[in-house]
Structure formats: C-alpha cells, structure tokens
Protein backbone atom coordinates (compact mmCIF):
# COMPACT_ATOMS: atom_id res chain seq x y z
CA MET A 1 102.71 143.82 105.34
CA GLY A 2 101.96 140.19 105.65
CA ASN A 3 104.47 137.42 105.39
CA PRO A 4 104.49 136.22 101.83
CA LEU A 5 103.42 132.54 101.48
CA ILE A 6 105.50 130.15 99.49
CA GLU A 7 103.67 128.97 96.31
CA PRO A 8 102.35 126.43 96.07
CA VAL A 9 101.39 125.95 99.69
CA LEU A 10 102.00 122.28 99.51
CA PRO A 11 103.95 121.08 96.50
CA PRO A 12 102.73 117.96 94.67
CA THR A 13 105.53 115.79 95.83
CA LEU A 14 104.74 116.56 99.52
CA VAL A 15 100.99 116.07 98.96
CA ALA A 16 101.76 112.64 97.44
CA GLU A 17 104.03 111.80 100.34
CA LEU A 18 101.35 112.72 102.88
CA VAL A 19 98.59 110.84 101.18
CA THR A 20 100.68 107.72 101.00
CA SER A 21 102.08 107.90 104.62
CA PRO A 22 102.36 104.55 106.29
CA SER A 23 101.06 105.83 109.53
CA LEU A 24 99.22 108.70 111.19
CA GLU A 25 102.27 109.56 113.13
CA ARG A 26 104.47 109.78 110.06
CA LEU A 27 101.80 111.87 108.28
CA LEU A 28 101.54 114.43 111.07
CA ASN A 29 105.27 114.71 111.60
CA ARG A 30 105.99 115.07 107.86
CA PHE A 31 103.30 117.70 107.48
CA LEU A 32 104.67 119.72 110.43
CA ASP A 33 108.11 119.51 108.95
CA GLU A 34 106.85 121.97 106.33
CA ALA A 35 103.71 123.69 107.74
CA PRO A 36 105.18 126.46 109.97
CA ARG A 37 107.40 127.83 107.22
CA ARG A 38 104.89 127.38 104.41
CA LEU A 39 102.00 128.90 106.37
CA ALA A 40 104.04 131.68 107.89
CA SER A 41 103.45 130.76 111.51
CA PHE A 42 105.92 130.22 114.33
CA ALA A 43 103.79 127.37 115.72
CA ALA A 44 101.60 124.83 114.15
CA GLY A 45 99.62 121.86 115.39
CA VAL A 46 97.43 119.13 113.88
CA TYR A 47 94.71 117.46 116.00
CA VAL A 48 92.99 114.33 114.74
CA HIS A 49 89.67 113.62 116.39
CA ASP A 50 88.22 110.37 117.68
CA HIS A 51 85.27 109.16 115.67
CA ALA A 52 82.96 108.64 118.68
CA THR A 53 83.87 111.59 120.97
CA GLY A 54 84.94 114.30 118.56
CA ARG A 55 87.89 115.06 120.88
CA PRO A 56 91.52 114.89 119.85
CA ALA A 57 92.78 111.34 119.79
CA ALA A 58 96.15 112.13 118.16
CA ALA A 59 98.00 115.38 118.00
CA GLU A 60 101.43 116.79 116.99
CA VAL A 61 102.51 120.34 117.64
CA ARG A 62 105.64 122.22 116.51
CA GLY A 63 107.04 125.51 117.93
CA LEU A 64 105.43 124.97 121.36
CA GLY A 65 106.44 122.74 124.26
CA ASN A 66 104.66 119.81 125.89
CA TYR A 67 103.52 122.04 128.71
CA TYR A 68 101.52 124.24 126.39
CA VAL A 69 99.96 121.17 124.71
CA ARG A 70 98.76 119.78 128.01
CA SER A 71 97.77 123.26 129.31
CA TYR A 72 95.74 123.86 126.21
CA GLU A 73 93.83 120.57 126.46
CA ARG A 74 93.10 121.05 130.18
CA HIS A 75 92.29 124.79 130.31
CA GLY A 76 92.06 126.17 126.75
CA ARG A 77 90.27 124.08 124.15
CA ASP A 78 86.73 124.54 125.49
CA ARG A 79 87.30 128.25 126.07
CA ASP A 80 88.96 128.89 122.73
CA PRO A 81 86.43 130.75 120.57
CA VAL A 82 88.49 130.32 117.45
CA VAL A 83 88.47 126.55 117.64
CA GLN A 84 84.85 126.39 118.84
CA SER A 85 83.75 128.64 115.97
CA ALA A 86 85.74 126.67 113.37
CA LEU A 87 84.18 123.33 114.55
CA ARG A 88 80.63 124.73 114.71
CA ASP A 89 80.74 126.38 111.28
CA ARG A 90 83.15 123.96 109.64
CA ARG A 91 85.20 126.82 108.18
CA VAL A 92 88.54 128.47 108.78
CA CYS A 93 88.50 130.91 111.67
CA ASP A 94 91.10 133.13 113.13
CA SER A 95 91.29 135.56 116.04
CA ASP A 96 91.73 138.56 113.70
CA SER A 97 88.59 137.96 111.74
CA LEU A 98 86.49 136.61 114.64
CA MET A 99 86.56 139.84 116.92
CA PRO A 100 88.25 143.18 117.41
CA ARG A 101 91.84 142.92 118.74
CA GLU A 102 90.93 144.73 122.01
CA GLU A 103 88.15 142.31 122.70
CA TRP A 104 90.48 139.29 121.93
CA LEU A 105 93.11 140.45 124.37
CA LYS A 106 90.62 140.51 127.21
CA LEU A 107 89.61 136.86 126.85
CA PRO A 108 90.73 134.67 129.81
CA VAL A 109 92.03 131.96 127.42
CA VAL A 110 94.37 134.51 125.85
CA HIS A 111 95.64 135.69 129.20
CA ASP A 112 95.89 132.21 130.80
CA VAL A 113 96.96 129.94 127.89
CA PHE A 114 98.03 131.90 124.81
CA ALA A 115 99.88 134.96 126.07
CA PRO A 116 102.41 132.95 128.35
CA HIS A 117 103.53 131.17 125.11
CA ALA A 118 103.81 134.33 123.06
CA MET A 119 100.74 133.42 121.00
CA ALA A 120 99.23 136.68 119.88
CA ARG A 121 97.19 135.46 116.96
CA VAL A 122 95.70 131.96 116.31
CA LEU A 123 93.94 130.33 113.40
CA CYS A 124 91.99 127.08 113.13
CA ALA A 125 91.15 125.22 109.88
CA PRO A 126 88.99 122.12 110.29
CA PHE A 127 89.39 119.23 107.89
CA VAL A 128 86.25 117.35 107.04
CA VAL A 129 86.00 113.71 105.88
CA GLY A 130 82.64 112.85 104.61
CA ALA A 131 80.14 114.38 107.11
CA GLU A 132 82.61 114.30 109.93
CA VAL A 133 85.14 116.86 111.25
CA ALA A 134 88.18 114.69 111.36
CA GLY A 135 90.43 117.20 113.01
CA THR A 136 91.86 120.64 112.89
CA LEU A 137 94.99 122.47 111.64
CA ASN A 138 95.97 125.14 114.26
CA LEU A 139 98.40 127.99 113.62
CA ALA A 140 99.84 130.65 115.81
CA ARG A 141 101.74 134.02 115.30
CA ARG A 142 103.60 136.16 117.78
CA ASP A 143 102.82 139.69 118.77
CA GLY A 144 104.26 142.05 116.15
CA GLU A 145 103.83 139.53 113.37
CA ALA A 146 101.26 140.20 110.62
CA GLU A 147 97.57 139.43 111.18
CA PHE A 148 95.97 136.61 109.35
CA THR A 149 94.76 137.69 105.86
CA GLU A 150 92.32 136.21 103.42
CA ALA A 151 95.24 134.70 101.60
CA ASP A 152 96.48 133.05 104.80
CA ARG A 153 92.97 131.65 105.41
CA ASP A 154 92.90 130.32 101.83
CA ALA A 155 96.28 128.68 102.29
CA ALA A 156 95.20 127.10 105.60
CA ARG A 157 92.06 125.84 103.99
CA ALA A 158 94.05 124.26 101.24
CA ALA A 159 96.46 122.52 103.69
CA ALA A 160 93.54 121.30 105.78
CA THR A 161 91.92 119.84 102.72
CA VAL A 162 95.07 117.83 101.96
CA LEU A 163 95.24 116.74 105.58
CA GLY A 164 91.66 115.55 105.47
CA ILE A 165 92.43 113.46 102.34
CA ALA A 166 95.70 112.12 103.81
CA VAL A 167 94.14 111.29 107.14
CA SER A 168 91.30 109.46 105.54
CA ALA A 169 93.77 107.48 103.32
CA VAL A 170 95.76 106.45 106.33
CA ARG A 171 92.70 105.46 108.32
CA GLU A 172 91.39 103.35 105.42
CA ARG A 173 94.78 101.55 105.06
CA ALA A 174 94.97 100.97 108.81
CA SER A 175 91.43 99.65 108.81
CA ALA A 176 92.21 97.33 105.85
CA GLU A 177 95.35 96.07 107.60
CA ARG A 178 93.44 95.47 110.84
CA GLU A 179 90.87 93.53 108.94
CA ARG A 180 93.49 91.57 107.07
CA VAL A 181 95.33 90.62 110.32
CA GLN A 182 92.07 89.60 111.95
CA LEU A 183 91.07 87.41 109.00
CA THR A 184 94.52 85.90 108.77
CA GLU A 185 94.50 85.05 112.54
CA ALA A 186 90.98 83.59 112.20
CA LEU A 187 91.95 81.40 109.28
CA ASP A 188 95.06 80.19 111.05
CA ARG A 189 92.84 79.11 114.00
CA CYS A 190 90.60 77.15 111.71
CA SER A 191 91.45 73.51 111.65
CA THR A 192 90.65 73.18 107.90
CA PRO A 193 93.40 73.94 105.39
CA VAL A 194 92.39 76.96 103.34
CA VAL A 195 94.34 78.44 100.32
CA LEU A 196 93.56 81.90 98.82
CA THR A 197 94.90 82.16 95.24
CA ASP A 198 95.21 85.62 93.63
CA LEU A 199 95.69 85.00 89.94
CA GLY A 200 96.11 88.62 89.18
CA LEU A 201 99.03 88.90 91.58
CA ALA A 202 100.20 85.30 90.95
CA ARG A 203 100.29 84.81 94.74
CA ARG A 204 98.90 82.25 97.16
CA HIS A 205 98.16 82.66 100.84
CA LEU A 206 97.99 79.53 103.03
CA ASN A 207 96.53 79.48 106.45
CA ALA A 208 98.47 77.66 109.16
CA PRO A 209 96.84 74.22 108.68
CA ALA A 210 97.44 74.57 104.85
CA VAL A 211 101.09 75.33 105.48
CA ALA A 212 101.47 72.27 107.71
CA LEU A 213 99.70 70.16 105.14
CA PHE A 214 101.92 71.32 102.23
CA ASP A 215 104.94 70.76 104.26
CA ARG A 216 103.82 67.13 104.74
CA LEU A 217 103.24 66.64 101.05
CA GLY A 218 106.91 67.17 100.26
CA ASP A 219 107.60 66.39 96.63
CA ALA A 220 103.89 65.92 95.99
CA ARG A 221 103.23 69.61 96.71
CA PRO A 222 103.37 70.82 92.98
CA GLU A 223 100.93 68.06 92.00
CA VAL A 224 98.36 69.17 94.61
CA GLU A 225 98.84 72.90 93.94
CA ARG A 226 97.84 72.35 90.31
CA LEU A 227 94.48 71.22 91.62
CA LEU A 228 93.84 74.50 93.37
CA ASP A 229 92.85 76.38 90.22
CA CYS A 230 89.34 76.44 88.85
CA ASP A 231 90.52 77.06 85.28
CA ASP A 232 87.44 78.60 83.64
CA ASP A 233 84.92 77.17 86.16
CA GLU A 234 83.27 79.09 88.97
CA ARG A 235 83.57 76.13 91.21
CA ALA A 236 85.65 72.96 90.98
CA VAL A 237 86.13 69.83 93.11
CA ALA A 238 89.25 67.75 92.77
CA SER A 239 90.54 64.74 94.62
CA TRP A 240 94.13 63.55 95.25
CA ALA A 241 95.46 60.48 97.01
CA GLY A 242 99.16 59.74 97.71
CA GLY A 243 101.53 57.81 99.88
CA GLY A 244 105.28 58.16 100.44
CA GLU A 245 106.01 61.76 101.69
CA GLY A 246 102.31 62.45 101.52
CA GLY A 247 101.87 60.06 104.42
CA GLY A 248 98.86 58.12 102.87
CA LEU A 249 96.62 61.15 102.42
CA HIS A 250 93.42 61.49 100.57
CA LEU A 251 92.51 65.14 99.81
CA THR A 252 89.32 66.58 98.57
CA ILE A 253 89.81 70.12 97.26
CA THR A 254 86.85 72.43 96.72
CA SER A 255 87.81 75.63 94.86
CA GLN A 256 85.54 78.58 94.17
CA ARG A 257 86.06 81.93 92.52
CA LEU A 258 84.91 85.00 94.49
CA PRO A 259 81.99 86.46 92.64
CA SER A 260 83.14 90.05 93.11
CA GLN A 261 86.76 89.14 92.22
CA PRO A 262 86.83 86.25 89.72
CA ASP A 263 90.65 86.31 89.76
CA VAL A 264 90.60 85.28 93.39
CA ILE A 265 90.03 81.60 94.17
CA VAL A 266 89.31 80.16 97.70
CA SER A 267 90.27 76.52 98.08
CA VAL A 268 89.10 74.48 101.02
CA ILE A 269 90.94 71.21 101.54
CA ALA A 270 89.29 68.25 103.29
CA THR A 271 91.90 65.71 104.45
CA ARG A 272 91.77 62.13 105.40
CA ASP A 273 94.64 60.12 106.63
CA ALA A 274 94.01 56.76 105.03
CA SER A 275 96.37 54.95 107.34
CA SER A 276 94.07 55.62 110.26
CA ARG A 277 90.87 54.62 108.43
CA ALA A 278 89.23 51.25 107.79
CA ILE A 279 87.14 50.35 104.77
CA ALA A 280 83.42 50.89 105.39
CA PRO A 281 81.81 47.53 106.26
CA ALA A 282 79.19 47.95 103.49
CA ARG A 283 82.07 48.06 100.96
CA LEU A 284 83.80 45.06 102.40
CA ALA A 285 80.91 42.76 101.70
CA LEU A 286 81.20 43.54 97.96
CA LEU A 287 84.83 42.49 97.73
CA THR A 288 86.71 39.22 97.67
CA PRO A 289 89.49 38.65 100.34
CA ARG A 290 92.20 39.39 97.88
CA GLU A 291 90.38 42.50 96.66
CA VAL A 292 90.05 43.64 100.31
CA GLU A 293 93.87 43.19 100.68
CA ILE A 294 94.49 45.25 97.55
CA ALA A 295 91.88 47.87 98.47
CA THR A 296 93.22 48.25 102.00
CA ARG A 297 96.69 48.95 100.68
CA ALA A 298 95.40 51.33 98.12
CA LEU A 299 93.72 53.15 101.02
CA THR A 300 97.07 53.74 102.67
CA GLY A 301 98.37 55.40 99.49
CA ARG A 302 100.42 52.48 98.21
CA ARG A 303 101.08 52.45 94.47
CA ASP A 304 100.31 49.44 92.22
CA GLY A 305 103.86 48.31 92.12
CA GLU A 306 104.23 48.56 95.91
CA ILE A 307 101.00 46.59 96.39
CA ALA A 308 102.29 43.86 94.04
CA ALA A 309 105.58 43.72 96.02
CA ASP A 310 103.73 43.52 99.32
CA LEU A 311 101.43 40.62 98.25
CA VAL A 312 104.14 39.01 96.10
CA ILE A 313 101.92 39.04 93.00
CA SER A 314 102.42 40.42 89.54
CA LEU A 315 101.62 44.16 88.67
CA HIS A 316 99.26 42.76 86.04
CA THR A 317 97.31 40.86 88.70
CA VAL A 318 97.01 43.96 90.92
CA LYS A 319 95.64 45.99 87.98
CA HIS A 320 93.24 43.11 87.15
CA HIS A 321 91.84 43.17 90.74
CA LEU A 322 91.71 46.96 90.83
CA LYS A 323 89.63 46.89 87.65
CA SER A 324 87.21 44.48 89.36
CA ILE A 325 87.02 46.71 92.44
CA TYR A 326 86.31 49.72 90.28
CA ALA A 327 83.45 47.91 88.60
CA LYS A 328 81.93 46.67 91.94
CA LEU A 329 82.13 50.14 93.57
CA GLY A 330 81.08 52.03 90.46
CA VAL A 331 84.19 54.29 90.30
CA HIS A 332 86.63 55.19 87.60
CA THR A 333 89.64 56.69 89.22
CA ARG A 334 91.84 56.00 92.24
CA ALA A 335 90.62 59.14 94.03
CA GLU A 336 86.96 58.08 93.58
CA LEU A 337 87.90 54.68 94.87
CA LEU A 338 89.38 56.03 98.03
CA ASP A 339 86.36 58.24 98.58
CA ARG A 340 83.98 55.30 98.00
CA LEU A 341 85.92 52.90 100.28
CA LEU A 342 85.67 55.27 103.28
CA PHE A 343 82.03 56.25 102.99
C-alpha cells in the first residue's frame, strides 16, 4: 500500500505564500517545510538552475545532510538516470517507472551515492518556465517504503508546476528590483534634478540633485512642486524665480507624461543661480542705467519691495521701471524676464 497523500497537495494559502515570497531562499525553505510530508518522502530537494549553464545555481535539501548534497553534485548528478531522463524528456521520472528494481540496484550511482544515505527510491519532477527548465523537485524514499505510484507522480508534477510559477515570480520581482536600483543610482549620479511623479500612487521620487535643490528651496518648495504637474497636457514647461531661502534661483521645469503610463510624469529641472550670473551684454544696451540696477537685482531674486528699499525709491517707481524693461525685452512675466536677461 502506498502512503496516502494529503489533499490538496499544496493548499491555496501555501501556494499564495510561495508565489509572493520575497526571495528565492524564502521560497525554497517554505516549500520544503511542507513538501516531505505532503509528498510522502523522507527527503526532498529543490534545485534552481542557472539560465546560462543549466546547472543548479541554488538548492535547498531537507532530510539529508550537507555531505550528501556535495557528494551528489560531485559524483551523482551526471550519473543519475532519473534526473537526466526528467531533464531530457521534461516530465516526471522516478526509479520505479524508469527500470526494473534489480537493474536499478546495480547502478554505480545507487551504490556510491544513494544507498549510503538510505535512498532506495528517487523521483525527479522538472519545472519549466517558458521554454526553459528552471529547476527540479527531487524526492526520495527509503527501502521498505512504498514505490512511487501514478498518484505520486501527479502530485509531484502539480508541486513542480507551482514551483515553476513561484520561481518565475521571484525572479521577475528580483529583476525589477535590480533594474529599479540601477536606475535610481544612475539618476542620483546625474547632475540634473529629476522628479518622477506617480499620480496614481500620489507619490514623487526625487533623485539626489532634486533632493538637494528642494532642501535649498525651503518654504518655497510647495510653490515649485505645484509646477511639476502637467495638468491635462502631455508636456509642459514652467519657470520659477525666487530669492530668500531659494538663494536667488531661476528654475525651468520641463515635465512630460510617459506615453505608456500617462499617470507618470517625468520632470527635468534646469537651474540657474542668478547671483552668479551677469546680464547678457546685448540686453544691457537696451536698458537705462536705472533699469540695469533694477534688472540686476531682479536677477538675484529680489522682490519689488526689496529692490525699492535697496535703491531708496518708491515701490511705484520700481514697478514703472519693470514695466519699461518688460516692454524693451518683449516679456510679460518675471520668469520670462530672468530667462531673457541671461540669454
């Protein structure tokens, strides 16, 4: 009589846990917490193969010691007809169905590797992801325990199918995380401030230069953040100029929605520190000396009232001169003025 299998082989809660495992190590260990009992085997192992070589890159085994694991890799895998047949045919294979018992017991791999560890019967179930054998589920039973039946092979096949799905999911998450880390580090090394706005999640990601810039903005940060959104436009360009905690900055913010994800906006911020810039000579020739004084202060981010105090003139006079400067330079806003003064 065979050992009865517990139904279902892998309950839905365990399947969900395996598929959402945070790492390959966690996946294999959690699976092997349950596999020997559920698959009626005293030992079980999962081998995950390397994409390039097809050889095991990760493995976890229960019921057998480390010596067996190393011995099998060195002396058994390539001589194991069960594993080789399973990999070749991409189907479940076991020693009982592969050859007569007497022939099996005469194999060197059985005498040298399996028998010293009380492994009388073995089974291998490959799990396939796409067109690739991603790994194998290996089971073992002792002498005197029941031979593997068709029901056992079906159960192993079902468990291997879950393993294939779970391993694929873990690999995809690991690949996505690796790509995310690479892109984050690349953006942080970029000298240009870049902000990624996810409207769906109501979340922003700032690269390192953007973090430094927004820290410098101080109380002006909310004002600049409002300029990052495209509203209903696919692409938008906004300008901002400020002094005080902003340090006399002039920002040009170019925001664009990702074509494949319209709820995601990428904003690239060009910065100019007005205090370190001079008015372009071609613009100076268009202005009176008093207008140059006012324009120069506007370039450093000074407000109208601050300019009036600096030059000891009225606020009305400052506004009058600014209106004249706007007209001469063909601009309508302070942001446009600063852009025109510098270039």
